[in-house]
């Protein structure tokens, strides 16, 4: 194994760790935001009709934040890196919600949420790569 192979492996491992860190960050942000929303919903007179839009917005914001966190330490491929963060995020959320609900069905909403997560992740990845480093 030569020096170039070690450098490539190191960069690949670093990118993998960044993706995991970004995905975990997105899930943590989602949990925090949904707890805040649940408290607001429980203790105020907010209508329950806003639940779906708030959940969709929370997921989008969380994936963007996670993708920015993931991509800010790499120098290129933020679009791909962020898209992968979005895909991992939505797969984890889908698996958790399916286990809790006992329903592993895929419908049009699942497909739309997956596409939205990947696109949000790609956007966050682009932003993260282009942030100025000091």
Foldseek 3Di string as FASTA:
>chain_A
DDPVVVVVVVVVVLLVVLLVQLLVQLVVQLVVQVVVVVVCVVPDVDDPVCVVVSNLVSSLVSLLRSLLSSQQPDQDDLLVSQLSSLQVNLVVVLVVVCVVVVHNDDDPVSVVSSVSSSRSRSVSSVVNNPDDDD
